């Protein structure tokens, strides 16, 4: 597997399969099994994967090949990972709101 993902907006399936070091049919299979991977389609019906799709596919590949999860187990783990990220984002949001309120109070004191 390639160490880094090129800094591009869109990737064709051949590029994605090289990055992941799997055959294109594997990428298409994962696309059908994991609803978080949704490539765009061109007028000629070619798949165009965005950076976030490729990142998600790298995570899926690692869960399946490195961590030895089953497809169902990888789905559950991805969902858990997304909940954890969402929870952390909520915590950061609450902290930012508190900082904003504190700054508003300081501003009032300075006026």
N, C-alpha and C. Protein backbone atom coordinates (compact mmCIF):
# COMPACT_ATOMS: atom_id res chain seq x y z
N UNK A 1 0.85 -1.18 0.00
CA UNK A 1 0.00 0.00 0.00
C UNK A 1 0.89 1.24 0.00
N UNK A 2 0.48 2.22 -0.74
CA UNK A 2 1.22 3.46 -0.81
C UNK A 2 1.18 4.16 0.54
N UNK A 3 2.27 4.82 0.91
CA UNK A 3 2.35 5.47 2.21
C UNK A 3 1.46 6.69 2.33
N UNK A 4 1.29 7.41 1.22
CA UNK A 4 0.49 8.62 1.31
C UNK A 4 -0.47 8.70 0.13
N UNK A 5 -1.52 9.45 0.37
CA UNK A 5 -2.52 9.67 -0.67
C UNK A 5 -2.16 10.97 -1.37
N UNK A 6 -2.07 10.97 -2.70
CA UNK A 6 -1.74 12.20 -3.42
C UNK A 6 -2.75 13.31 -3.11
N UNK A 7 -2.27 14.52 -3.18
CA UNK A 7 -3.13 15.68 -2.89
C UNK A 7 -3.91 16.05 -4.14
N UNK A 8 -5.02 15.34 -4.34
CA UNK A 8 -5.89 15.56 -5.49
C UNK A 8 -7.33 15.62 -4.99
N UNK A 9 -8.20 16.21 -5.79
CA UNK A 9 -9.61 16.25 -5.42
C UNK A 9 -10.34 14.98 -5.78
N UNK A 10 -10.01 14.39 -6.93
CA UNK A 10 -10.73 13.21 -7.40
C UNK A 10 -9.75 12.14 -7.87
N UNK A 11 -10.15 10.89 -7.66
CA UNK A 11 -9.35 9.74 -8.05
C UNK A 11 -10.23 8.78 -8.84
N UNK A 12 -9.67 8.20 -9.88
CA UNK A 12 -10.37 7.14 -10.60
C UNK A 12 -10.14 5.83 -9.87
N UNK A 13 -10.95 4.84 -10.17
CA UNK A 13 -10.89 3.59 -9.44
C UNK A 13 -9.53 2.89 -9.57
N UNK A 14 -8.88 3.04 -10.71
CA UNK A 14 -7.55 2.45 -10.89
C UNK A 14 -6.53 3.05 -9.94
N UNK A 15 -6.61 4.38 -9.77
CA UNK A 15 -5.70 5.06 -8.83
C UNK A 15 -5.98 4.63 -7.40
N UNK A 16 -7.25 4.52 -7.06
CA UNK A 16 -7.62 4.11 -5.71
C UNK A 16 -7.14 2.68 -5.44
N UNK A 17 -7.31 1.81 -6.42
CA UNK A 17 -6.88 0.42 -6.21
C UNK A 17 -5.37 0.33 -6.04
N UNK A 18 -4.61 1.18 -6.72
CA UNK A 18 -3.16 1.20 -6.53
C UNK A 18 -2.78 1.73 -5.16
N UNK A 19 -3.46 2.78 -4.72
CA UNK A 19 -3.19 3.35 -3.39
C UNK A 19 -3.45 2.29 -2.32
N UNK A 20 -4.55 1.54 -2.48
CA UNK A 20 -4.93 0.55 -1.48
C UNK A 20 -4.23 -0.79 -1.68
N UNK A 21 -3.61 -0.98 -2.83
CA UNK A 21 -2.95 -2.24 -3.18
C UNK A 21 -3.95 -3.40 -3.21
N UNK A 22 -5.10 -3.14 -3.82
CA UNK A 22 -6.13 -4.17 -4.04
C UNK A 22 -6.64 -4.03 -5.47
N UNK A 23 -7.32 -5.03 -5.94
CA UNK A 23 -7.89 -5.00 -7.28
C UNK A 23 -9.11 -4.06 -7.31
N UNK A 24 -9.43 -3.49 -8.47
CA UNK A 24 -10.58 -2.59 -8.57
C UNK A 24 -11.91 -3.25 -8.15
N UNK A 25 -12.08 -4.55 -8.40
CA UNK A 25 -13.33 -5.18 -8.00
C UNK A 25 -13.49 -5.20 -6.48
N UNK A 26 -12.37 -5.21 -5.75
CA UNK A 26 -12.43 -5.15 -4.29
C UNK A 26 -12.94 -3.78 -3.84
N UNK A 27 -12.46 -2.74 -4.50
CA UNK A 27 -12.91 -1.38 -4.18
C UNK A 27 -14.42 -1.27 -4.44
N UNK A 28 -14.87 -1.82 -5.58
CA UNK A 28 -16.30 -1.77 -5.89
C UNK A 28 -17.11 -2.57 -4.87
N UNK A 29 -16.57 -3.70 -4.42
CA UNK A 29 -17.26 -4.51 -3.41
C UNK A 29 -17.38 -3.75 -2.09
N UNK A 30 -16.28 -3.14 -1.66
CA UNK A 30 -16.33 -2.36 -0.42
C UNK A 30 -17.31 -1.21 -0.55
N UNK A 31 -17.36 -0.61 -1.72
CA UNK A 31 -18.32 0.47 -1.96
C UNK A 31 -19.75 -0.02 -1.75
N UNK A 32 -20.02 -1.25 -2.18
CA UNK A 32 -21.37 -1.80 -2.03
C UNK A 32 -21.66 -2.21 -0.58
N UNK A 33 -20.63 -2.56 0.17
CA UNK A 33 -20.82 -3.04 1.54
C UNK A 33 -20.81 -1.92 2.59
N UNK A 34 -20.11 -0.84 2.29
CA UNK A 34 -19.98 0.27 3.24
C UNK A 34 -20.62 1.50 2.64
N UNK A 35 -21.73 1.92 3.21
CA UNK A 35 -22.48 3.04 2.61
C UNK A 35 -21.83 4.40 2.85
N UNK A 36 -20.70 4.42 3.54
CA UNK A 36 -20.00 5.69 3.75
C UNK A 36 -19.13 6.07 2.56
N UNK A 37 -18.93 5.14 1.64
CA UNK A 37 -18.13 5.41 0.44
C UNK A 37 -19.10 5.62 -0.72
N UNK A 38 -19.17 6.86 -1.18
CA UNK A 38 -20.10 7.20 -2.26
C UNK A 38 -19.38 8.02 -3.32
N UNK A 39 -18.77 7.34 -4.29
CA UNK A 39 -18.07 8.10 -5.33
C UNK A 39 -19.06 8.82 -6.25
N UNK A 40 -18.58 9.90 -6.83
CA UNK A 40 -19.37 10.60 -7.83
C UNK A 40 -19.33 9.80 -9.12
N UNK A 41 -20.29 10.04 -10.00
CA UNK A 41 -20.31 9.37 -11.30
C UNK A 41 -20.22 10.43 -12.39
N UNK A 42 -19.38 10.15 -13.39
CA UNK A 42 -19.28 11.05 -14.53
C UNK A 42 -20.41 10.73 -15.50
N UNK A 43 -20.52 11.52 -16.55
CA UNK A 43 -21.55 11.25 -17.56
C UNK A 43 -21.35 9.89 -18.21
N UNK A 44 -20.09 9.46 -18.29
CA UNK A 44 -19.81 8.14 -18.87
C UNK A 44 -19.85 7.04 -17.80
N UNK A 45 -20.39 7.36 -16.63
CA UNK A 45 -20.61 6.42 -15.52
C UNK A 45 -19.32 5.92 -14.87
N UNK A 46 -18.23 6.67 -15.00
CA UNK A 46 -17.01 6.31 -14.30
C UNK A 46 -17.09 6.81 -12.86
N UNK A 47 -16.50 6.05 -11.97
CA UNK A 47 -16.47 6.45 -10.56
C UNK A 47 -15.35 7.46 -10.34
N UNK A 48 -15.67 8.51 -9.59
CA UNK A 48 -14.67 9.47 -9.15
C UNK A 48 -14.74 9.53 -7.63
N UNK A 49 -13.67 9.09 -6.99
CA UNK A 49 -13.60 9.05 -5.54
C UNK A 49 -12.99 10.35 -5.02
N UNK A 50 -13.63 10.94 -4.02
CA UNK A 50 -13.10 12.14 -3.38
C UNK A 50 -12.06 11.74 -2.34
N UNK A 51 -11.34 12.72 -1.85
CA UNK A 51 -10.30 12.47 -0.83
C UNK A 51 -10.90 11.75 0.38
N UNK A 52 -12.07 12.18 0.82
CA UNK A 52 -12.67 11.55 2.00
C UNK A 52 -13.08 10.11 1.71
N UNK A 53 -13.46 9.80 0.48
CA UNK A 53 -13.77 8.41 0.12
C UNK A 53 -12.51 7.55 0.20
N UNK A 54 -11.41 8.09 -0.30
CA UNK A 54 -10.15 7.34 -0.27
C UNK A 54 -9.69 7.15 1.17
N UNK A 55 -9.82 8.18 1.99
CA UNK A 55 -9.47 8.06 3.41
C UNK A 55 -10.31 6.97 4.07
N UNK A 56 -11.59 6.96 3.77
CA UNK A 56 -12.50 5.96 4.33
C UNK A 56 -12.10 4.56 3.86
N UNK A 57 -11.75 4.44 2.60
CA UNK A 57 -11.33 3.14 2.06
C UNK A 57 -10.02 2.66 2.68
N UNK A 58 -9.12 3.58 2.97
CA UNK A 58 -7.87 3.21 3.66
C UNK A 58 -8.21 2.66 5.05
N UNK A 59 -9.12 3.32 5.74
CA UNK A 59 -9.54 2.86 7.06
C UNK A 59 -10.18 1.48 6.95
N UNK A 60 -11.05 1.29 5.97
CA UNK A 60 -11.71 -0.01 5.76
C UNK A 60 -10.66 -1.08 5.48
N UNK A 61 -9.71 -0.77 4.61
CA UNK A 61 -8.66 -1.73 4.29
C UNK A 61 -7.88 -2.12 5.54
N UNK A 62 -7.52 -1.15 6.36
CA UNK A 62 -6.78 -1.43 7.59
C UNK A 62 -7.60 -2.29 8.55
N UNK A 63 -8.88 -1.99 8.67
CA UNK A 63 -9.74 -2.79 9.56
C UNK A 63 -9.82 -4.23 9.07
N UNK A 64 -9.96 -4.40 7.76
CA UNK A 64 -10.14 -5.74 7.21
C UNK A 64 -8.83 -6.52 7.14
N UNK A 65 -7.79 -5.91 6.66
CA UNK A 65 -6.55 -6.63 6.38
C UNK A 65 -5.59 -6.62 7.56
N UNK A 66 -5.40 -5.47 8.19
CA UNK A 66 -4.44 -5.38 9.29
C UNK A 66 -5.05 -5.86 10.61
N UNK A 67 -6.27 -5.37 10.90
CA UNK A 67 -6.90 -5.69 12.18
C UNK A 67 -7.76 -6.95 12.13
N UNK A 68 -7.93 -7.51 10.94
CA UNK A 68 -8.62 -8.80 10.75
C UNK A 68 -10.09 -8.79 11.15
N UNK A 69 -10.75 -7.64 10.94
CA UNK A 69 -12.20 -7.57 11.18
C UNK A 69 -12.93 -8.25 10.03
N UNK A 70 -14.12 -8.76 10.32
CA UNK A 70 -15.02 -9.21 9.25
C UNK A 70 -15.68 -7.96 8.66
N UNK A 71 -16.42 -8.13 7.58
CA UNK A 71 -17.13 -6.99 6.99
C UNK A 71 -18.10 -6.40 8.02
N UNK A 72 -18.87 -7.25 8.67
CA UNK A 72 -19.84 -6.78 9.67
C UNK A 72 -19.12 -6.11 10.83
N UNK A 73 -18.02 -6.69 11.27
CA UNK A 73 -17.26 -6.10 12.38
C UNK A 73 -16.66 -4.76 11.99
N UNK A 74 -16.19 -4.65 10.76
CA UNK A 74 -15.63 -3.39 10.29
C UNK A 74 -16.71 -2.32 10.21
N UNK A 75 -17.92 -2.70 9.78
CA UNK A 75 -19.04 -1.74 9.75
C UNK A 75 -19.32 -1.20 11.15
N UNK A 76 -19.38 -2.12 12.12
CA UNK A 76 -19.64 -1.70 13.51
C UNK A 76 -18.53 -0.80 14.03
N UNK A 77 -17.29 -1.17 13.74
CA UNK A 77 -16.15 -0.39 14.22
C UNK A 77 -16.15 1.01 13.60
N UNK A 78 -16.45 1.10 12.30
CA UNK A 78 -16.53 2.41 11.64
C UNK A 78 -17.61 3.28 12.27
N UNK A 79 -18.76 2.68 12.55
CA UNK A 79 -19.84 3.43 13.19
C UNK A 79 -19.41 3.92 14.57
N UNK A 80 -18.71 3.07 15.31
CA UNK A 80 -18.23 3.45 16.64
C UNK A 80 -17.20 4.58 16.52
N UNK A 81 -16.30 4.48 15.54
CA UNK A 81 -15.30 5.52 15.33
C UNK A 81 -15.97 6.85 15.00
N UNK A 82 -17.01 6.82 14.19
CA UNK A 82 -17.71 8.05 13.82
C UNK A 82 -18.43 8.66 15.04
N UNK A 83 -19.01 7.80 15.89
CA UNK A 83 -19.66 8.30 17.11
C UNK A 83 -18.63 8.95 18.02
N UNK A 84 -17.45 8.32 18.15
CA UNK A 84 -16.40 8.88 19.00
C UNK A 84 -15.96 10.25 18.50
N UNK A 85 -15.78 10.39 17.20
CA UNK A 85 -15.38 11.66 16.60
C UNK A 85 -16.47 12.70 16.82
N UNK A 86 -17.72 12.30 16.63
CA UNK A 86 -18.84 13.21 16.81
C UNK A 86 -18.90 13.69 18.27
N UNK A 87 -18.68 12.77 19.20
CA UNK A 87 -18.71 13.12 20.62
C UNK A 87 -17.59 14.12 20.95
N UNK A 88 -16.39 13.89 20.40
CA UNK A 88 -15.28 14.81 20.63
C UNK A 88 -15.57 16.17 20.03
N UNK A 89 -16.20 16.20 18.86
CA UNK A 89 -16.55 17.47 18.24
C UNK A 89 -17.57 18.22 19.09
N UNK A 90 -18.53 17.50 19.67
CA UNK A 90 -19.51 18.13 20.55
C UNK A 90 -18.82 18.76 21.76
N UNK A 91 -17.85 18.04 22.34
CA UNK A 91 -17.12 18.57 23.48
C UNK A 91 -16.36 19.84 23.10
N UNK A 92 -15.71 19.83 21.94
CA UNK A 92 -14.98 21.01 21.47
C UNK A 92 -15.95 22.17 21.23
N UNK A 93 -17.11 21.88 20.68
CA UNK A 93 -18.10 22.92 20.41
C UNK A 93 -18.55 23.56 21.72
N UNK A 94 -18.83 22.74 22.72
CA UNK A 94 -19.24 23.28 24.03
C UNK A 94 -18.15 24.17 24.63
N UNK A 95 -16.90 23.73 24.50
CA UNK A 95 -15.80 24.53 25.03
C UNK A 95 -15.69 25.86 24.29
N UNK A 96 -15.86 25.83 22.99
CA UNK A 96 -15.81 27.07 22.20
C UNK A 96 -16.92 28.02 22.59
N UNK A 97 -18.11 27.50 22.84
CA UNK A 97 -19.23 28.34 23.27
C UNK A 97 -18.90 28.99 24.61
N UNK A 98 -18.29 28.22 25.53
CA UNK A 98 -17.92 28.77 26.83
C UNK A 98 -16.86 29.86 26.67
N UNK A 99 -15.90 29.65 25.81
CA UNK A 99 -14.86 30.66 25.56
C UNK A 99 -15.50 31.91 24.97
N UNK A 100 -16.42 31.72 24.03
CA UNK A 100 -17.09 32.86 23.40
C UNK A 100 -17.85 33.69 24.44
N UNK A 101 -18.54 33.01 25.35
CA UNK A 101 -19.27 33.72 26.41
C UNK A 101 -18.31 34.47 27.31
N UNK A 102 -17.18 33.83 27.63
CA UNK A 102 -16.17 34.49 28.47
C UNK A 102 -15.60 35.71 27.80
N UNK A 103 -15.33 35.61 26.51
CA UNK A 103 -14.81 36.76 25.77
C UNK A 103 -15.83 37.87 25.68
N UNK A 104 -17.10 37.52 25.55
CA UNK A 104 -18.16 38.53 25.51
C UNK A 104 -18.21 39.28 26.84
N UNK A 105 -18.01 38.55 27.95
CA UNK A 105 -18.03 39.20 29.27
C UNK A 105 -16.83 40.14 29.42
N UNK A 106 -15.66 39.69 28.93
CA UNK A 106 -14.47 40.54 28.99
C UNK A 106 -14.69 41.80 28.15
N UNK A 107 -15.31 41.63 26.99
CA UNK A 107 -15.58 42.78 26.11
C UNK A 107 -16.49 43.79 26.81
N UNK A 108 -17.51 43.28 27.52
CA UNK A 108 -18.42 44.17 28.25
C UNK A 108 -17.66 44.94 29.32
N UNK A 109 -16.73 44.26 29.99
CA UNK A 109 -15.96 44.92 31.04
C UNK A 109 -15.05 46.01 30.49
N UNK A 110 -14.57 45.81 29.27
CA UNK A 110 -13.67 46.78 28.66
C UNK A 110 -14.40 47.97 28.05
N UNK A 111 -15.68 47.85 27.83
CA UNK A 111 -16.44 48.95 27.21
C UNK A 111 -16.76 50.04 28.17
